[in-house]
Amino acid sequence: MNWIFLILGGLFEVGFTFCLGKAKESTGNTTLMWYVGFAICLTLSMSLLIKATQSLPLGTAYAVWTGIGAVGTVLMGIFFFKEPATFMRLFFIFTLIASIIGLKAVSSH
């Protein structure tokens, strides 16, 4: 169950970076609403990470959580914020995903 909390926490990390990107593009009250979304996603992300680390190794949990956030944020930048999808960027995203899967595979929990 704690792996599910960890994955959800990583996805909320992607959510708070998405909210930051949208806040940067907006003006007025819309900006404030994106910052509220940022705060909510940040709180949920951290809370789920804390819950997951109660039984998962801290180093593995943190690496997986940040990996999910990093991969998700790069992909979100490509799909929603028109960032470049070069071969090398995609190659290193793939290697990061492989590393996350490897950490999960060698974890004893």
PDB file of N, CA and C in Angstrom:
ATOM      1  N   MET A   1       0.824  -1.206   0.000  1.00  0.00           N
ATOM      2  CA  MET A   1       0.000   0.000   0.000  1.00  0.00           C
ATOM      3  C   MET A   1       0.868   1.270   0.000  1.00  0.00           C
ATOM      4  N   ASN A   2       2.029   1.203   0.695  1.00  0.00           N
ATOM      5  CA  ASN A   2       2.873   2.391   0.760  1.00  0.00           C
ATOM      6  C   ASN A   2       3.485   2.760  -0.587  1.00  0.00           C
ATOM      7  N   TRP A   3       3.656   1.765  -1.481  1.00  0.00           N
ATOM      8  CA  TRP A   3       4.115   2.088  -2.835  1.00  0.00           C
ATOM      9  C   TRP A   3       3.056   2.903  -3.573  1.00  0.00           C
ATOM     10  N   ILE A   4       1.791   2.612  -3.310  1.00  0.00           N
ATOM     11  CA  ILE A   4       0.705   3.393  -3.926  1.00  0.00           C
ATOM     12  C   ILE A   4       0.740   4.825  -3.413  1.00  0.00           C
ATOM     13  N   PHE A   5       0.933   4.989  -2.080  1.00  0.00           N
ATOM     14  CA  PHE A   5       1.056   6.339  -1.518  1.00  0.00           C
ATOM     15  C   PHE A   5       2.221   7.087  -2.155  1.00  0.00           C
ATOM     16  N   LEU A   6       3.327   6.379  -2.354  1.00  0.00           N
ATOM     17  CA  LEU A   6       4.509   7.002  -2.933  1.00  0.00           C
ATOM     18  C   LEU A   6       4.259   7.438  -4.381  1.00  0.00           C
ATOM     19  N   ILE A   7       3.632   6.588  -5.151  1.00  0.00           N
ATOM     20  CA  ILE A   7       3.320   6.929  -6.550  1.00  0.00           C
ATOM     21  C   ILE A   7       2.361   8.104  -6.609  1.00  0.00           C
ATOM     22  N   LEU A   8       1.338   8.086  -5.778  1.00  0.00           N
ATOM     23  CA  LEU A   8       0.396   9.214  -5.739  1.00  0.00           C
ATOM     24  C   LEU A   8       1.105  10.505  -5.321  1.00  0.00           C
ATOM     25  N   GLY A   9       2.008  10.396  -4.358  1.00  0.00           N
ATOM     26  CA  GLY A   9       2.775  11.565  -3.942  1.00  0.00           C
ATOM     27  C   GLY A   9       3.611  12.120  -5.084  1.00  0.00           C
ATOM     28  N   GLY A  10       4.218  11.234  -5.866  1.00  0.00           N
ATOM     29  CA  GLY A  10       4.981  11.670  -7.035  1.00  0.00           C
ATOM     30  C   GLY A  10       4.108  12.349  -8.069  1.00  0.00           C
ATOM     31  N   LEU A  11       2.891  11.838  -8.239  1.00  0.00           N
ATOM     32  CA  LEU A  11       1.970  12.458  -9.198  1.00  0.00           C
ATOM     33  C   LEU A  11       1.508  13.831  -8.718  1.00  0.00           C
ATOM     34  N   PHE A  12       1.322  13.977  -7.397  1.00  0.00           N
ATOM     35  CA  PHE A  12       0.980  15.309  -6.878  1.00  0.00           C
ATOM     36  C   PHE A  12       2.167  16.264  -6.999  1.00  0.00           C
ATOM     37  N   GLU A  13       3.377  15.727  -6.997  1.00  0.00           N
ATOM     38  CA  GLU A  13       4.547  16.571  -7.256  1.00  0.00           C
ATOM     39  C   GLU A  13       4.475  17.126  -8.680  1.00  0.00           C
ATOM     40  N   VAL A  14       4.090  16.290  -9.613  1.00  0.00           N
ATOM     41  CA  VAL A  14       3.890  16.755 -10.992  1.00  0.00           C
ATOM     42  C   VAL A  14       2.784  17.806 -11.019  1.00  0.00           C
ATOM     43  N   GLY A  15       1.747  17.582 -10.221  1.00  0.00           N
ATOM     44  CA  GLY A  15       0.639  18.543 -10.142  1.00  0.00           C
ATOM     45  C   GLY A  15       1.089  19.906  -9.663  1.00  0.00           C
ATOM     46  N   PHE A  16       1.955  19.933  -8.646  1.00  0.00           N
ATOM     47  CA  PHE A  16       2.348  21.260  -8.175  1.00  0.00           C
ATOM     48  C   PHE A  16       3.281  21.965  -9.144  1.00  0.00           C
ATOM     49  N   THR A  17       4.074  21.237  -9.902  1.00  0.00           N
ATOM     50  CA  THR A  17       4.894  21.906 -10.916  1.00  0.00           C
ATOM     51  C   THR A  17       4.031  22.397 -12.085  1.00  0.00           C
ATOM     52  N   PHE A  18       2.988  21.620 -12.417  1.00  0.00           N
ATOM     53  CA  PHE A  18       2.053  22.069 -13.452  1.00  0.00           C
ATOM     54  C   PHE A  18       1.391  23.379 -13.027  1.00  0.00           C
ATOM     55  N   CYS A  19       0.957  23.438 -11.760  1.00  0.00           N
ATOM     56  CA  CYS A  19       0.322  24.656 -11.256  1.00  0.00           C
ATOM     57  C   CYS A  19       1.276  25.845 -11.316  1.00  0.00           C
ATOM     58  N   LEU A  20       2.561  25.615 -11.023  1.00  0.00           N
ATOM     59  CA  LEU A  20       3.536  26.702 -11.137  1.00  0.00           C
ATOM     60  C   LEU A  20       3.654  27.199 -12.575  1.00  0.00           C
ATOM     61  N   GLY A  21       3.687  26.265 -13.512  1.00  0.00           N
ATOM     62  CA  GLY A  21       3.766  26.647 -14.926  1.00  0.00           C
ATOM     63  C   GLY A  21       2.554  27.440 -15.375  1.00  0.00           C
ATOM     64  N   LYS A  22       1.370  26.995 -14.945  1.00  0.00           N
ATOM     65  CA  LYS A  22       0.145  27.710 -15.331  1.00  0.00           C
ATOM     66  C   LYS A  22       0.065  29.076 -14.650  1.00  0.00           C
ATOM     67  N   ALA A  23       0.527  29.172 -13.403  1.00  0.00           N
ATOM     68  CA  ALA A  23       0.517  30.466 -12.703  1.00  0.00           C
ATOM     69  C   ALA A  23       1.416  31.462 -13.420  1.00  0.00           C
ATOM     70  N   LYS A  24       2.531  30.981 -13.945  1.00  0.00           N
ATOM     71  CA  LYS A  24       3.462  31.839 -14.680  1.00  0.00           C
ATOM     72  C   LYS A  24       2.821  32.409 -15.939  1.00  0.00           C
ATOM     73  N   GLU A  25       1.914  31.637 -16.545  1.00  0.00           N
ATOM     74  CA  GLU A  25       1.260  32.061 -17.786  1.00  0.00           C
ATOM     75  C   GLU A  25       0.010  32.910 -17.551  1.00  0.00           C
ATOM     76  N   SER A  26      -0.514  32.957 -16.327  1.00  0.00           N
ATOM     77  CA  SER A  26      -1.795  33.636 -16.099  1.00  0.00           C
ATOM     78  C   SER A  26      -1.615  34.986 -15.435  1.00  0.00           C
ATOM     79  N   THR A  27      -2.741  35.664 -15.292  1.00  0.00           N
ATOM     80  CA  THR A  27      -2.750  36.977 -14.651  1.00  0.00           C
ATOM     81  C   THR A  27      -3.949  37.081 -13.718  1.00  0.00           C
ATOM     82  N   GLY A  28      -3.894  38.047 -12.819  1.00  0.00           N
ATOM     83  CA  GLY A  28      -5.020  38.350 -11.939  1.00  0.00           C
ATOM     84  C   GLY A  28      -5.378  37.222 -10.992  1.00  0.00           C
ATOM     85  N   ASN A  29      -6.688  37.056 -10.782  1.00  0.00           N
ATOM     86  CA  ASN A  29      -7.197  36.038  -9.858  1.00  0.00           C
ATOM     87  C   ASN A  29      -6.871  34.624 -10.314  1.00  0.00           C
ATOM     88  N   THR A  30      -6.712  34.422 -11.603  1.00  0.00           N
ATOM     89  CA  THR A  30      -6.376  33.100 -12.119  1.00  0.00           C
ATOM     90  C   THR A  30      -5.015  32.661 -11.570  1.00  0.00           C
ATOM     91  N   THR A  31      -4.085  33.588 -11.491  1.00  0.00           N
ATOM     92  CA  THR A  31      -2.772  33.273 -10.935  1.00  0.00           C
ATOM     93  C   THR A  31      -2.901  32.799  -9.496  1.00  0.00           C
ATOM     94  N   LEU A  32      -3.707  33.509  -8.718  1.00  0.00           N
ATOM     95  CA  LEU A  32      -3.923  33.131  -7.322  1.00  0.00           C
ATOM     96  C   LEU A  32      -4.499  31.724  -7.212  1.00  0.00           C
ATOM     97  N   MET A  33      -5.433  31.384  -8.088  1.00  0.00           N
ATOM     98  CA  MET A  33      -6.034  30.050  -8.047  1.00  0.00           C
ATOM     99  C   MET A  33      -5.001  28.963  -8.376  1.00  0.00           C
ATOM    100  N   TRP A  34      -4.114  29.242  -9.311  1.00  0.00           N
ATOM    101  CA  TRP A  34      -3.056  28.267  -9.620  1.00  0.00           C
ATOM    102  C   TRP A  34      -2.111  28.104  -8.431  1.00  0.00           C
ATOM    103  N   TYR A  35      -1.847  29.194  -7.705  1.00  0.00           N
ATOM    104  CA  TYR A  35      -1.003  29.086  -6.505  1.00  0.00           C
ATOM    105  C   TYR A  35      -1.699  28.324  -5.386  1.00  0.00           C
ATOM    106  N   VAL A  36      -3.000  28.447  -5.291  1.00  0.00           N
ATOM    107  CA  VAL A  36      -3.759  27.644  -4.321  1.00  0.00           C
ATOM    108  C   VAL A  36      -3.649  26.165  -4.704  1.00  0.00           C
ATOM    109  N   GLY A  37      -3.798  25.864  -5.991  1.00  0.00           N
ATOM    110  CA  GLY A  37      -3.625  24.485  -6.467  1.00  0.00           C
ATOM    111  C   GLY A  37      -2.230  23.973  -6.169  1.00  0.00           C
ATOM    112  N   PHE A  38      -1.227  24.852  -6.334  1.00  0.00           N
ATOM    113  CA  PHE A  38       0.153  24.498  -6.006  1.00  0.00           C
ATOM    114  C   PHE A  38       0.268  24.102  -4.536  1.00  0.00           C
ATOM    115  N   ALA A  39      -0.293  24.914  -3.649  1.00  0.00           N
ATOM    116  CA  ALA A  39      -0.194  24.646  -2.210  1.00  0.00           C
ATOM    117  C   ALA A  39      -0.896  23.340  -1.832  1.00  0.00           C
ATOM    118  N   ILE A  40      -2.044  23.088  -2.432  1.00  0.00           N
ATOM    119  CA  ILE A  40      -2.779  21.851  -2.149  1.00  0.00           C
ATOM    120  C   ILE A  40      -1.983  20.638  -2.632  1.00  0.00           C
ATOM    121  N   CYS A  41      -1.492  20.697  -3.862  1.00  0.00           N
ATOM    122  CA  CYS A  41      -0.710  19.578  -4.406  1.00  0.00           C
ATOM    123  C   CYS A  41       0.577  19.362  -3.626  1.00  0.00           C
ATOM    124  N   LEU A  42       1.228  20.448  -3.232  1.00  0.00           N
ATOM    125  CA  LEU A  42       2.460  20.344  -2.453  1.00  0.00           C
ATOM    126  C   LEU A  42       2.196  19.663  -1.113  1.00  0.00           C
ATOM    127  N   THR A  43       1.138  20.076  -0.434  1.00  0.00           N
ATOM    128  CA  THR A  43       0.787  19.481   0.858  1.00  0.00           C
ATOM    129  C   THR A  43       0.466  18.000   0.715  1.00  0.00           C
ATOM    130  N   LEU A  44      -0.321  17.652  -0.289  1.00  0.00           N
ATOM    131  CA  LEU A  44      -0.665  16.241  -0.502  1.00  0.00           C
ATOM    132  C   LEU A  44       0.572  15.423  -0.876  1.00  0.00           C
ATOM    133  N   SER A  45       1.424  15.976  -1.723  1.00  0.00           N
ATOM    134  CA  SER A  45       2.623  15.276  -2.149  1.00  0.00           C
ATOM    135  C   SER A  45       3.525  14.972  -0.963  1.00  0.00           C
ATOM    136  N   MET A  46       3.787  15.970  -0.141  1.00  0.00           N
ATOM    137  CA  MET A  46       4.654  15.778   1.022  1.00  0.00           C
ATOM    138  C   MET A  46       4.026  14.828   2.040  1.00  0.00           C
ATOM    139  N   SER A  47       2.733  14.953   2.246  1.00  0.00           N
ATOM    140  CA  SER A  47       2.044  14.074   3.200  1.00  0.00           C
ATOM    141  C   SER A  47       2.110  12.617   2.759  1.00  0.00           C
ATOM    142  N   LEU A  48       1.925  12.370   1.495  1.00  0.00           N
ATOM    143  CA  LEU A  48       2.002  11.005   0.979  1.00  0.00           C
ATOM    144  C   LEU A  48       3.430  10.465   1.039  1.00  0.00           C
ATOM    145  N   LEU A  49       4.417  11.319   0.793  1.00  0.00           N
ATOM    146  CA  LEU A  49       5.811  10.893   0.932  1.00  0.00           C
ATOM    147  C   LEU A  49       6.106  10.512   2.381  1.00  0.00           C
ATOM    148  N   ILE A  50       5.660  11.330   3.305  1.00  0.00           N
ATOM    149  CA  ILE A  50       5.865  11.030   4.729  1.00  0.00           C
ATOM    150  C   ILE A  50       5.213   9.703   5.091  1.00  0.00           C
ATOM    151  N   LYS A  51       3.997   9.492   4.629  1.00  0.00           N
ATOM    152  CA  LYS A  51       3.293   8.236   4.913  1.00  0.00           C
ATOM    153  C   LYS A  51       4.053   7.045   4.324  1.00  0.00           C
ATOM    154  N   ALA A  52       4.538   7.171   3.111  1.00  0.00           N
ATOM    155  CA  ALA A  52       5.247   6.067   2.454  1.00  0.00           C
ATOM    156  C   ALA A  52       6.548   5.730   3.165  1.00  0.00           C
ATOM    157  N   THR A  53       7.241   6.743   3.694  1.00  0.00           N
ATOM    158  CA  THR A  53       8.535   6.490   4.327  1.00  0.00           C
ATOM    159  C   THR A  53       8.398   5.864   5.709  1.00  0.00           C
ATOM    160  N   GLN A  54       7.185   5.688   6.184  1.00  0.00           N
ATOM    161  CA  GLN A  54       6.999   5.011   7.469  1.00  0.00           C
ATOM    162  C   GLN A  54       7.361   3.536   7.371  1.00  0.00           C
ATOM    163  N   SER A  55       7.287   2.960   6.165  1.00  0.00           N
ATOM    164  CA  SER A  55       7.656   1.551   6.028  1.00  0.00           C
ATOM    165  C   SER A  55       8.628   1.277   4.877  1.00  0.00           C
ATOM    166  N   LEU A  56       8.811   2.212   3.969  1.00  0.00           N
ATOM    167  CA  LEU A  56       9.762   2.032   2.871  1.00  0.00           C
ATOM    168  C   LEU A  56      11.093   2.674   3.237  1.00  0.00           C
ATOM    169  N   PRO A  57      12.194   2.156   2.703  1.00  0.00           N
ATOM    170  CA  PRO A  57      13.491   2.788   2.966  1.00  0.00           C
ATOM    171  C   PRO A  57      13.489   4.236   2.469  1.00  0.00           C
ATOM    172  N   LEU A  58      13.989   5.135   3.302  1.00  0.00           N
ATOM    173  CA  LEU A  58      13.939   6.560   2.990  1.00  0.00           C
ATOM    174  C   LEU A  58      14.626   6.894   1.673  1.00  0.00           C
ATOM    175  N   GLY A  59      15.831   6.362   1.463  1.00  0.00           N
ATOM    176  CA  GLY A  59      16.576   6.667   0.237  1.00  0.00           C
ATOM    177  C   GLY A  59      15.848   6.223  -1.013  1.00  0.00           C
ATOM    178  N   THR A  60      15.299   5.014  -0.967  1.00  0.00           N
ATOM    179  CA  THR A  60      14.552   4.495  -2.121  1.00  0.00           C
ATOM    180  C   THR A  60      13.286   5.303  -2.344  1.00  0.00           C
ATOM    181  N   ALA A  61      12.542   5.561  -1.270  1.00  0.00           N
ATOM    182  CA  ALA A  61      11.283   6.304  -1.392  1.00  0.00           C
ATOM    183  C   ALA A  61      11.520   7.694  -1.965  1.00  0.00           C
ATOM    184  N   TYR A  62      12.534   8.377  -1.453  1.00  0.00           N
ATOM    185  CA  TYR A  62      12.799   9.725  -1.940  1.00  0.00           C
ATOM    186  C   TYR A  62      13.239   9.712  -3.402  1.00  0.00           C
ATOM    187  N   ALA A  63      14.087   8.765  -3.764  1.00  0.00           N
ATOM    188  CA  ALA A  63      14.548   8.677  -5.151  1.00  0.00           C
ATOM    189  C   ALA A  63      13.388   8.395  -6.100  1.00  0.00           C
ATOM    190  N   VAL A  64      12.508   7.493  -5.722  1.00  0.00           N
ATOM    191  CA  VAL A  64      11.358   7.170  -6.571  1.00  0.00           C
ATOM    192  C   VAL A  64      10.418   8.370  -6.661  1.00  0.00           C
ATOM    193  N   TRP A  65      10.148   9.018  -5.530  1.00  0.00           N
ATOM    194  CA  TRP A  65       9.250  10.182  -5.487  1.00  0.00           C
ATOM    195  C   TRP A  65       9.777  11.304  -6.379  1.00  0.00           C
ATOM    196  N   THR A  66      11.063  11.631  -6.238  1.00  0.00           N
ATOM    197  CA  THR A  66      11.621  12.695  -7.079  1.00  0.00           C
ATOM    198  C   THR A  66      11.724  12.263  -8.535  1.00  0.00           C
ATOM    199  N   GLY A  67      11.980  10.962  -8.763  1.00  0.00           N
ATOM    200  CA  GLY A  67      12.041  10.464 -10.142  1.00  0.00           C
ATOM    201  C   GLY A  67      10.704  10.592 -10.847  1.00  0.00           C
ATOM    202  N   ILE A  68       9.629  10.219 -10.143  1.00  0.00           N
ATOM    203  CA  ILE A  68       8.290  10.364 -10.714  1.00  0.00           C
ATOM    204  C   ILE A  68       8.029  11.834 -11.027  1.00  0.00           C
ATOM    205  N   GLY A  69       8.392  12.697 -10.075  1.00  0.00           N
ATOM    206  CA  GLY A  69       8.203  14.131 -10.287  1.00  0.00           C
ATOM    207  C   GLY A  69       9.017  14.662 -11.448  1.00  0.00           C
ATOM    208  N   ALA A  70      10.261  14.222 -11.549  1.00  0.00           N
ATOM    209  CA  ALA A  70      11.133  14.704 -12.627  1.00  0.00           C
ATOM    210  C   ALA A  70      10.637  14.246 -13.992  1.00  0.00           C
ATOM    211  N   VAL A  71      10.352  12.956 -14.111  1.00  0.00           N
ATOM    212  CA  VAL A  71       9.862  12.424 -15.392  1.00  0.00           C
ATOM    213  C   VAL A  71       8.530  13.078 -15.757  1.00  0.00           C
ATOM    214  N   GLY A  72       7.633  13.125 -14.796  1.00  0.00           N
ATOM    215  CA  GLY A  72       6.315  13.712 -15.052  1.00  0.00           C
ATOM    216  C   GLY A  72       6.396  15.175 -15.439  1.00  0.00           C
ATOM    217  N   THR A  73       7.279  15.903 -14.769  1.00  0.00           N
ATOM    218  CA  THR A  73       7.418  17.330 -15.063  1.00  0.00           C
ATOM    219  C   THR A  73       8.013  17.558 -16.444  1.00  0.00           C
ATOM    220  N   VAL A  74       9.003  16.776 -16.814  1.00  0.00           N
ATOM    221  CA  VAL A  74       9.581  16.917 -18.165  1.00  0.00           C
ATOM    222  C   VAL A  74       8.527  16.581 -19.223  1.00  0.00           C
ATOM    223  N   LEU A  75       7.801  15.474 -19.017  1.00  0.00           N
ATOM    224  CA  LEU A  75       6.761  15.107 -19.986  1.00  0.00           C
ATOM    225  C   LEU A  75       5.661  16.158 -20.043  1.00  0.00           C
ATOM    226  N   MET A  76       5.287  16.716 -18.889  1.00  0.00           N
ATOM    227  CA  MET A  76       4.276  17.770 -18.873  1.00  0.00           C
ATOM    228  C   MET A  76       4.782  18.995 -19.620  1.00  0.00           C
ATOM    229  N   GLY A  77       6.061  19.317 -19.437  1.00  0.00           N
ATOM    230  CA  GLY A  77       6.635  20.447 -20.171  1.00  0.00           C
ATOM    231  C   GLY A  77       6.578  20.229 -21.668  1.00  0.00           C
ATOM    232  N   ILE A  78       6.836  19.007 -22.099  1.00  0.00           N
ATOM    233  CA  ILE A  78       6.782  18.694 -23.530  1.00  0.00           C
ATOM    234  C   ILE A  78       5.357  18.791 -24.057  1.00  0.00           C
ATOM    235  N   PHE A  79       4.412  18.199 -23.334  1.00  0.00           N
ATOM    236  CA  PHE A  79       3.039  18.119 -23.846  1.00  0.00           C
ATOM    237  C   PHE A  79       2.216  19.383 -23.628  1.00  0.00           C
ATOM    238  N   PHE A  80       2.461  20.114 -22.546  1.00  0.00           N
ATOM    239  CA  PHE A  80       1.604  21.258 -22.232  1.00  0.00           C
ATOM    240  C   PHE A  80       2.276  22.611 -22.366  1.00  0.00           C
ATOM    241  N   PHE A  81       3.612  22.650 -22.256  1.00  0.00           N
ATOM    242  CA  PHE A  81       4.294  23.939 -22.259  1.00  0.00           C
ATOM    243  C   PHE A  81       5.248  24.101 -23.438  1.00  0.00           C
ATOM    244  N   LYS A  82       5.097  23.241 -24.435  1.00  0.00           N
ATOM    245  CA  LYS A  82       5.830  23.353 -25.708  1.00  0.00           C
ATOM    246  C   LYS A  82       7.355  23.321 -25.538  1.00  0.00           C
ATOM    247  N   GLU A  83       7.850  22.550 -24.572  1.00  0.00           N
ATOM    248  CA  GLU A  83       9.288  22.382 -24.420  1.00  0.00           C
ATOM    249  C   GLU A  83       9.775  21.369 -25.455  1.00  0.00           C
ATOM    250  N   PRO A  84      11.040  21.446 -25.848  1.00  0.00           N
ATOM    251  CA  PRO A  84      11.541  20.560 -26.911  1.00  0.00           C
ATOM    252  C   PRO A  84      11.593  19.093 -26.463  1.00  0.00           C
ATOM    253  N   ALA A  85      11.309  18.203 -27.423  1.00  0.00           N
ATOM    254  CA  ALA A  85      11.369  16.751 -27.178  1.00  0.00           C
ATOM    255  C   ALA A  85      12.495  16.176 -28.028  1.00  0.00           C
ATOM    256  N   THR A  86      13.709  16.553 -27.699  1.00  0.00           N
ATOM    257  CA  THR A  86      14.851  16.078 -28.476  1.00  0.00           C
ATOM    258  C   THR A  86      15.150  14.617 -28.129  1.00  0.00           C
ATOM    259  N   PHE A  87      15.915  13.990 -28.991  1.00  0.00           N
ATOM    260  CA  PHE A  87      16.285  12.595 -28.760  1.00  0.00           C
ATOM    261  C   PHE A  87      16.994  12.433 -27.417  1.00  0.00           C
ATOM    262  N   MET A  88      17.941  13.294 -27.117  1.00  0.00           N
ATOM    263  CA  MET A  88      18.715  13.166 -25.881  1.00  0.00           C
ATOM    264  C   MET A  88      17.844  13.369 -24.647  1.00  0.00           C
ATOM    265  N   ARG A  89      16.911  14.298 -24.680  1.00  0.00           N
ATOM    266  CA  ARG A  89      15.990  14.474 -23.539  1.00  0.00           C
ATOM    267  C   ARG A  89      15.178  13.213 -23.316  1.00  0.00           C
ATOM    268  N   LEU A  90      14.633  12.657 -24.388  1.00  0.00           N
ATOM    269  CA  LEU A  90      13.825  11.444 -24.266  1.00  0.00           C
ATOM    270  C   LEU A  90      14.675  10.258 -23.827  1.00  0.00           C
ATOM    271  N   PHE A  91      15.915  10.181 -24.315  1.00  0.00           N
ATOM    272  CA  PHE A  91      16.817   9.110 -23.911  1.00  0.00           C
ATOM    273  C   PHE A  91      17.070   9.156 -22.406  1.00  0.00           C
ATOM    274  N   PHE A  92      17.352  10.335 -21.879  1.00  0.00           N
ATOM    275  CA  PHE A  92      17.635  10.434 -20.450  1.00  0.00           C
ATOM    276  C   PHE A  92      16.386  10.277 -19.596  1.00  0.00           C
ATOM    277  N   ILE A  93      15.236  10.634 -20.110  1.00  0.00           N
ATOM    278  CA  ILE A  93      13.989  10.337 -19.392  1.00  0.00           C
ATOM    279  C   ILE A  93      13.819   8.821 -19.299  1.00  0.00           C
ATOM    280  N   PHE A  94      14.106   8.120 -20.389  1.00  0.00           N
ATOM    281  CA  PHE A  94      14.015   6.666 -20.386  1.00  0.00           C
ATOM    282  C   PHE A  94      14.971   6.061 -19.357  1.00  0.00           C
ATOM    283  N   THR A  95      16.203   6.562 -19.300  1.00  0.00           N
ATOM    284  CA  THR A  95      17.155   6.018 -18.328  1.00  0.00           C
ATOM    285  C   THR A  95      16.718   6.310 -16.897  1.00  0.00           C
ATOM    286  N   LEU A  96      16.085   7.448 -16.673  1.00  0.00           N
ATOM    287  CA  LEU A  96      15.564   7.761 -15.345  1.00  0.00           C
ATOM    288  C   LEU A  96      14.432   6.809 -14.967  1.00  0.00           C
ATOM    289  N   ILE A  97      13.546   6.533 -15.909  1.00  0.00           N
ATOM    290  CA  ILE A  97      12.452   5.581 -15.658  1.00  0.00           C
ATOM    291  C   ILE A  97      13.026   4.195 -15.362  1.00  0.00           C
ATOM    292  N   ALA A  98      14.028   3.778 -16.121  1.00  0.00           N
ATOM    293  CA  ALA A  98      14.650   2.477 -15.880  1.00  0.00           C
ATOM    294  C   ALA A  98      15.275   2.425 -14.490  1.00  0.00           C
ATOM    295  N   SER A  99      15.869   3.512 -14.055  1.00  0.00           N
ATOM    296  CA  SER A  99      16.460   3.560 -12.718  1.00  0.00           C
ATOM    297  C   SER A  99      15.400   3.469 -11.625  1.00  0.00           C
ATOM    298  N   ILE A 100      14.272   4.142 -11.816  1.00  0.00           N
ATOM    299  CA  ILE A 100      13.179   4.078 -10.839  1.00  0.00           C
ATOM    300  C   ILE A 100      12.658   2.640 -10.735  1.00  0.00           C
ATOM    301  N   ILE A 101      12.470   2.006 -11.876  1.00  0.00           N
ATOM    302  CA  ILE A 101      12.006   0.610 -11.875  1.00  0.00           C
ATOM    303  C   ILE A 101      13.041  -0.279 -11.207  1.00  0.00           C
ATOM    304  N   GLY A 102      14.311  -0.025 -11.457  1.00  0.00           N
ATOM    305  CA  GLY A 102      15.378  -0.800 -10.818  1.00  0.00           C
ATOM    306  C   GLY A 102      15.373  -0.661  -9.310  1.00  0.00           C
ATOM    307  N   LEU A 103      15.177   0.566  -8.808  1.00  0.00           N
ATOM    308  CA  LEU A 103      15.116   0.779  -7.365  1.00  0.00           C
ATOM    309  C   LEU A 103      13.937   0.027  -6.739  1.00  0.00           C
ATOM    310  N   LYS A 104      12.820   0.052  -7.438  1.00  0.00           N
ATOM    311  CA  LYS A 104      11.650  -0.687  -6.949  1.00  0.00           C
ATOM    312  C   LYS A 104      11.944  -2.178  -6.937  1.00  0.00           C
ATOM    313  N   ALA A 105      12.603  -2.679  -7.969  1.00  0.00           N
ATOM    314  CA  ALA A 105      12.881  -4.112  -8.094  1.00  0.00           C
ATOM    315  C   ALA A 105      13.822  -4.606  -7.007  1.00  0.00           C
ATOM    316  N   VAL A 106      14.793  -3.799  -6.597  1.00  0.00           N
ATOM    317  CA  VAL A 106      15.754  -4.262  -5.600  1.00  0.00           C
ATOM    318  C   VAL A 106      15.360  -3.904  -4.171  1.00  0.00           C
ATOM    319  N   SER A 107      14.241  -3.188  -4.017  1.00  0.00           N
ATOM    320  CA  SER A 107      13.773  -2.840  -2.664  1.00  0.00           C
ATOM    321  C   SER A 107      13.205  -4.082  -1.988  1.00  0.00           C
ATOM    322  N   SER A 108      13.495  -4.211  -0.717  1.00  0.00           N
ATOM    323  CA  SER A 108      13.019  -5.390   0.021  1.00  0.00           C
ATOM    324  C   SER A 108      11.578  -5.243   0.492  1.00  0.00           C
ATOM    325  N   HIS A 109      10.948  -4.118   0.246  1.00  0.00           N
ATOM    326  CA  HIS A 109       9.565  -3.903   0.711  1.00  0.00           C
ATOM    327  C   HIS A 109       8.585  -4.018  -0.425  1.00  0.00           C
TER     328      HIS A 109
END
